[in-house]
């Protein structure tokens, strides 16, 4: 016998990441990440889309974003973590090509 769907859902992990649907806030954070990564490459990148987005509540918010980018007219994907601090400023704390 199958368990009801509600019994199969995993509860959120305190301090863990929760998947979120991309919204205006997520788009702002993604654009910030692309700008910061572009500076590190010293080359313009374009955001094609947000593949996945997760948010973690800390002293502010951490956003873990899988971003689909264009670099030198070729698709390029990164996993970026942006910390949105309590004062509203942001910091790219991690990014990796995937």
N, C-alpha and C. Protein backbone atom coordinates (compact mmCIF):
# COMPACT_ATOMS: atom_id res chain seq x y z
N UNK A 1 0.85 -1.18 0.00
CA UNK A 1 0.00 0.00 0.00
C UNK A 1 0.89 1.24 0.00
N UNK A 2 0.55 2.20 -0.82
CA UNK A 2 1.32 3.44 -0.91
C UNK A 2 0.93 4.39 0.20
N UNK A 3 1.91 5.11 0.71
CA UNK A 3 1.64 6.14 1.71
C UNK A 3 1.08 7.36 1.02
N UNK A 4 0.25 8.14 1.70
CA UNK A 4 -0.27 9.38 1.10
C UNK A 4 0.89 10.30 0.71
N UNK A 5 0.66 11.10 -0.31
CA UNK A 5 1.69 12.01 -0.82
C UNK A 5 2.26 12.90 0.26
N UNK A 6 1.40 13.37 1.18
CA UNK A 6 1.88 14.28 2.22
C UNK A 6 2.86 13.58 3.15
N UNK A 7 2.73 12.25 3.29
CA UNK A 7 3.64 11.52 4.16
C UNK A 7 5.01 11.36 3.51
N UNK A 8 5.10 11.49 2.18
CA UNK A 8 6.35 11.31 1.48
C UNK A 8 7.18 12.59 1.40
N UNK A 9 6.56 13.74 1.63
CA UNK A 9 7.28 15.00 1.54
C UNK A 9 8.31 15.09 2.66
N UNK A 10 9.50 15.56 2.30
CA UNK A 10 10.56 15.72 3.30
C UNK A 10 10.39 17.05 4.01
N UNK A 11 10.46 17.06 5.34
CA UNK A 11 10.36 18.34 6.05
C UNK A 11 11.63 19.15 5.83
N UNK A 12 11.51 20.50 5.89
CA UNK A 12 12.71 21.32 5.73
C UNK A 12 13.71 21.05 6.84
N UNK A 13 14.98 21.12 6.50
CA UNK A 13 16.05 20.94 7.46
C UNK A 13 16.39 22.31 8.04
N UNK A 14 16.33 22.47 9.37
CA UNK A 14 16.70 23.77 9.94
C UNK A 14 18.10 24.17 9.51
N UNK A 15 18.23 25.36 8.97
CA UNK A 15 19.51 25.86 8.50
C UNK A 15 19.88 25.36 7.12
N UNK A 16 19.06 24.51 6.53
CA UNK A 16 19.34 23.97 5.20
C UNK A 16 18.77 24.86 4.11
N UNK A 17 19.02 24.47 2.89
CA UNK A 17 18.50 25.20 1.74
C UNK A 17 17.12 24.68 1.39
N UNK A 18 16.25 25.58 0.96
CA UNK A 18 14.93 25.25 0.46
C UNK A 18 14.84 25.71 -0.98
N UNK A 19 14.33 24.86 -1.85
CA UNK A 19 14.16 25.26 -3.24
C UNK A 19 13.10 26.36 -3.32
N UNK A 20 13.37 27.36 -4.14
CA UNK A 20 12.43 28.46 -4.35
C UNK A 20 12.22 28.63 -5.85
N UNK A 21 11.06 29.15 -6.20
CA UNK A 21 10.80 29.47 -7.60
C UNK A 21 11.45 30.81 -7.89
N UNK A 22 12.11 30.92 -9.04
CA UNK A 22 12.70 32.21 -9.38
C UNK A 22 11.65 33.31 -9.39
N UNK A 23 11.97 34.41 -8.71
CA UNK A 23 11.09 35.57 -8.63
C UNK A 23 11.94 36.82 -8.85
N UNK A 24 11.37 37.99 -8.61
CA UNK A 24 12.13 39.23 -8.80
C UNK A 24 13.39 39.27 -7.95
N UNK A 25 13.28 38.86 -6.70
CA UNK A 25 14.42 38.87 -5.78
C UNK A 25 15.52 37.93 -6.28
N UNK A 26 15.14 36.74 -6.69
CA UNK A 26 16.10 35.77 -7.20
C UNK A 26 16.77 36.30 -8.47
N UNK A 27 16.01 36.98 -9.31
CA UNK A 27 16.56 37.55 -10.55
C UNK A 27 17.60 38.62 -10.23
N UNK A 28 17.33 39.46 -9.22
CA UNK A 28 18.28 40.49 -8.80
C UNK A 28 19.57 39.83 -8.33
N UNK A 29 19.44 38.79 -7.53
CA UNK A 29 20.61 38.08 -7.00
C UNK A 29 21.38 37.42 -8.15
N UNK A 30 20.68 36.80 -9.09
CA UNK A 30 21.33 36.16 -10.23
C UNK A 30 22.09 37.18 -11.07
N UNK A 31 21.48 38.32 -11.32
CA UNK A 31 22.15 39.37 -12.10
C UNK A 31 23.41 39.86 -11.38
N UNK A 32 23.33 39.99 -10.06
CA UNK A 32 24.51 40.38 -9.28
C UNK A 32 25.61 39.33 -9.46
N UNK A 33 25.26 38.04 -9.33
CA UNK A 33 26.25 36.97 -9.46
C UNK A 33 26.91 37.00 -10.84
N UNK A 34 26.12 37.18 -11.88
CA UNK A 34 26.67 37.23 -13.24
C UNK A 34 27.65 38.40 -13.38
N UNK A 35 27.30 39.55 -12.82
CA UNK A 35 28.19 40.70 -12.87
C UNK A 35 29.51 40.44 -12.16
N UNK A 36 29.43 39.80 -11.00
CA UNK A 36 30.65 39.50 -10.24
C UNK A 36 31.51 38.46 -10.94
N UNK A 37 30.88 37.43 -11.50
CA UNK A 37 31.64 36.40 -12.21
C UNK A 37 32.26 36.99 -13.47
N UNK A 38 31.54 37.88 -14.15
CA UNK A 38 32.08 38.56 -15.34
C UNK A 38 33.35 39.32 -14.99
N UNK A 39 33.36 39.98 -13.82
CA UNK A 39 34.56 40.71 -13.38
C UNK A 39 35.73 39.74 -13.18
N UNK A 40 35.45 38.57 -12.61
CA UNK A 40 36.52 37.60 -12.36
C UNK A 40 37.09 37.05 -13.66
N UNK A 41 36.24 36.86 -14.67
CA UNK A 41 36.69 36.40 -15.98
C UNK A 41 37.26 37.55 -16.81
N UNK A 42 36.95 38.78 -16.41
CA UNK A 42 37.29 39.96 -17.18
C UNK A 42 36.73 39.84 -18.61
N UNK A 43 35.50 39.32 -18.65
CA UNK A 43 34.82 39.06 -19.91
C UNK A 43 33.32 39.13 -19.65
N UNK A 44 32.57 39.76 -20.55
CA UNK A 44 31.13 39.84 -20.32
C UNK A 44 30.45 38.47 -20.44
N UNK A 45 29.54 38.22 -19.54
CA UNK A 45 28.70 37.03 -19.56
C UNK A 45 27.25 37.47 -19.65
N UNK A 46 26.43 36.64 -20.24
CA UNK A 46 25.00 36.93 -20.33
C UNK A 46 24.23 35.83 -19.62
N UNK A 47 23.23 36.23 -18.87
CA UNK A 47 22.37 35.27 -18.17
C UNK A 47 21.30 34.77 -19.13
N UNK A 48 21.30 33.46 -19.38
CA UNK A 48 20.25 32.85 -20.20
C UNK A 48 19.07 32.45 -19.34
N UNK A 49 19.34 32.05 -18.10
CA UNK A 49 18.25 31.65 -17.22
C UNK A 49 18.74 31.09 -15.91
N UNK A 50 17.81 31.00 -14.99
CA UNK A 50 18.06 30.38 -13.69
C UNK A 50 17.55 28.95 -13.79
N UNK A 51 18.46 27.98 -13.65
CA UNK A 51 18.08 26.57 -13.76
C UNK A 51 17.42 26.11 -12.47
N UNK A 52 18.08 26.35 -11.34
CA UNK A 52 17.52 26.04 -10.03
C UNK A 52 17.87 27.17 -9.08
N UNK A 53 17.04 27.34 -8.06
CA UNK A 53 17.29 28.36 -7.04
C UNK A 53 16.91 27.79 -5.68
N UNK A 54 17.80 28.01 -4.73
CA UNK A 54 17.55 27.60 -3.34
C UNK A 54 17.93 28.75 -2.44
N UNK A 55 17.27 28.80 -1.30
CA UNK A 55 17.53 29.89 -0.35
C UNK A 55 17.74 29.29 1.03
N UNK A 56 18.68 29.87 1.77
CA UNK A 56 18.99 29.46 3.13
C UNK A 56 18.95 30.70 4.01
N UNK A 57 18.25 30.60 5.12
CA UNK A 57 18.18 31.72 6.05
C UNK A 57 19.39 31.64 6.98
N UNK A 58 20.18 32.71 6.97
CA UNK A 58 21.34 32.86 7.85
C UNK A 58 21.21 34.27 8.43
N UNK A 59 22.31 34.93 8.74
CA UNK A 59 22.24 36.35 9.10
C UNK A 59 22.07 37.08 7.78
N UNK A 60 20.88 37.05 7.26
CA UNK A 60 20.55 37.47 5.91
C UNK A 60 20.06 36.24 5.18
N UNK A 61 20.36 36.15 3.90
CA UNK A 61 19.96 34.99 3.10
C UNK A 61 21.10 34.55 2.21
N UNK A 62 21.29 33.26 2.10
CA UNK A 62 22.19 32.69 1.10
C UNK A 62 21.34 32.18 -0.05
N UNK A 63 21.73 32.50 -1.25
CA UNK A 63 21.07 31.98 -2.44
C UNK A 63 22.05 31.06 -3.15
N UNK A 64 21.64 29.84 -3.41
CA UNK A 64 22.44 28.90 -4.19
C UNK A 64 21.72 28.77 -5.53
N UNK A 65 22.38 29.24 -6.58
CA UNK A 65 21.75 29.33 -7.90
C UNK A 65 22.55 28.56 -8.93
N UNK A 66 21.87 27.75 -9.70
CA UNK A 66 22.48 27.15 -10.87
C UNK A 66 22.07 28.03 -12.04
N UNK A 67 23.06 28.65 -12.67
CA UNK A 67 22.80 29.65 -13.70
C UNK A 67 23.28 29.16 -15.06
N UNK A 68 22.45 29.39 -16.05
CA UNK A 68 22.77 29.08 -17.43
C UNK A 68 23.24 30.39 -18.06
N UNK A 69 24.51 30.43 -18.50
CA UNK A 69 25.12 31.65 -19.01
C UNK A 69 25.59 31.47 -20.45
N UNK A 70 25.93 32.59 -21.06
CA UNK A 70 26.60 32.61 -22.36
C UNK A 70 27.96 33.27 -22.15
N UNK A 71 29.01 32.58 -22.57
CA UNK A 71 30.38 33.10 -22.50
C UNK A 71 31.01 32.88 -23.86
N UNK A 72 31.44 33.94 -24.51
CA UNK A 72 32.03 33.84 -25.84
C UNK A 72 31.11 33.10 -26.82
N UNK A 73 29.82 33.44 -26.75
CA UNK A 73 28.79 32.85 -27.62
C UNK A 73 28.60 31.36 -27.41
N UNK A 74 29.04 30.82 -26.26
CA UNK A 74 28.86 29.40 -25.96
C UNK A 74 28.15 29.26 -24.62
N UNK A 75 27.29 28.22 -24.50
CA UNK A 75 26.63 27.98 -23.21
C UNK A 75 27.65 27.66 -22.13
N UNK A 76 27.36 28.11 -20.95
CA UNK A 76 28.26 27.95 -19.81
C UNK A 76 27.38 27.89 -18.58
N UNK A 77 27.60 26.95 -17.69
CA UNK A 77 26.76 26.82 -16.50
C UNK A 77 27.61 26.93 -15.24
N UNK A 78 27.09 27.63 -14.25
CA UNK A 78 27.79 27.78 -12.97
C UNK A 78 26.83 27.52 -11.82
N UNK A 79 27.41 27.13 -10.70
CA UNK A 79 26.70 27.05 -9.43
C UNK A 79 27.28 28.18 -8.58
N UNK A 80 26.45 29.15 -8.24
CA UNK A 80 26.91 30.33 -7.50
C UNK A 80 26.17 30.43 -6.17
N UNK A 81 26.89 30.91 -5.17
CA UNK A 81 26.26 31.20 -3.88
C UNK A 81 26.47 32.67 -3.59
N UNK A 82 25.36 33.35 -3.35
CA UNK A 82 25.38 34.79 -3.05
C UNK A 82 24.78 34.98 -1.67
N UNK A 83 25.49 35.74 -0.86
CA UNK A 83 25.00 36.09 0.48
C UNK A 83 24.38 37.47 0.39
N UNK A 84 23.08 37.54 0.67
CA UNK A 84 22.38 38.83 0.76
C UNK A 84 22.36 39.19 2.24
N UNK A 85 23.17 40.17 2.59
CA UNK A 85 23.35 40.54 4.00
C UNK A 85 22.14 41.27 4.54
N UNK A 86 22.10 41.41 5.85
CA UNK A 86 20.97 42.07 6.50
C UNK A 86 20.80 43.51 6.04
N UNK A 87 21.89 44.17 5.65
CA UNK A 87 21.79 45.56 5.19
C UNK A 87 21.39 45.66 3.71
N UNK A 88 21.16 44.50 3.06
CA UNK A 88 20.74 44.49 1.66
C UNK A 88 21.88 44.36 0.67
N UNK A 89 23.12 44.54 1.12
CA UNK A 89 24.25 44.38 0.21
C UNK A 89 24.45 42.90 -0.08
N UNK A 90 25.17 42.61 -1.16
CA UNK A 90 25.38 41.22 -1.57
C UNK A 90 26.86 40.93 -1.75
N UNK A 91 27.19 39.66 -1.56
CA UNK A 91 28.56 39.20 -1.74
C UNK A 91 28.52 37.83 -2.41
N UNK A 92 29.26 37.68 -3.51
CA UNK A 92 29.41 36.39 -4.16
C UNK A 92 30.40 35.58 -3.33
N UNK A 93 29.94 34.56 -2.64
CA UNK A 93 30.81 33.81 -1.73
C UNK A 93 31.40 32.57 -2.38
N UNK A 94 30.78 32.11 -3.47
CA UNK A 94 31.28 30.90 -4.11
C UNK A 94 30.70 30.81 -5.51
N UNK A 95 31.50 30.28 -6.44
CA UNK A 95 30.98 29.93 -7.76
C UNK A 95 31.89 28.88 -8.37
N UNK A 96 31.28 27.97 -9.10
CA UNK A 96 32.01 26.90 -9.75
C UNK A 96 31.36 26.60 -11.09
N UNK A 97 32.17 26.42 -12.10
CA UNK A 97 31.66 25.97 -13.40
C UNK A 97 31.21 24.51 -13.22
N UNK A 98 30.09 24.19 -13.83
CA UNK A 98 29.59 22.80 -13.74
C UNK A 98 29.30 22.28 -15.13
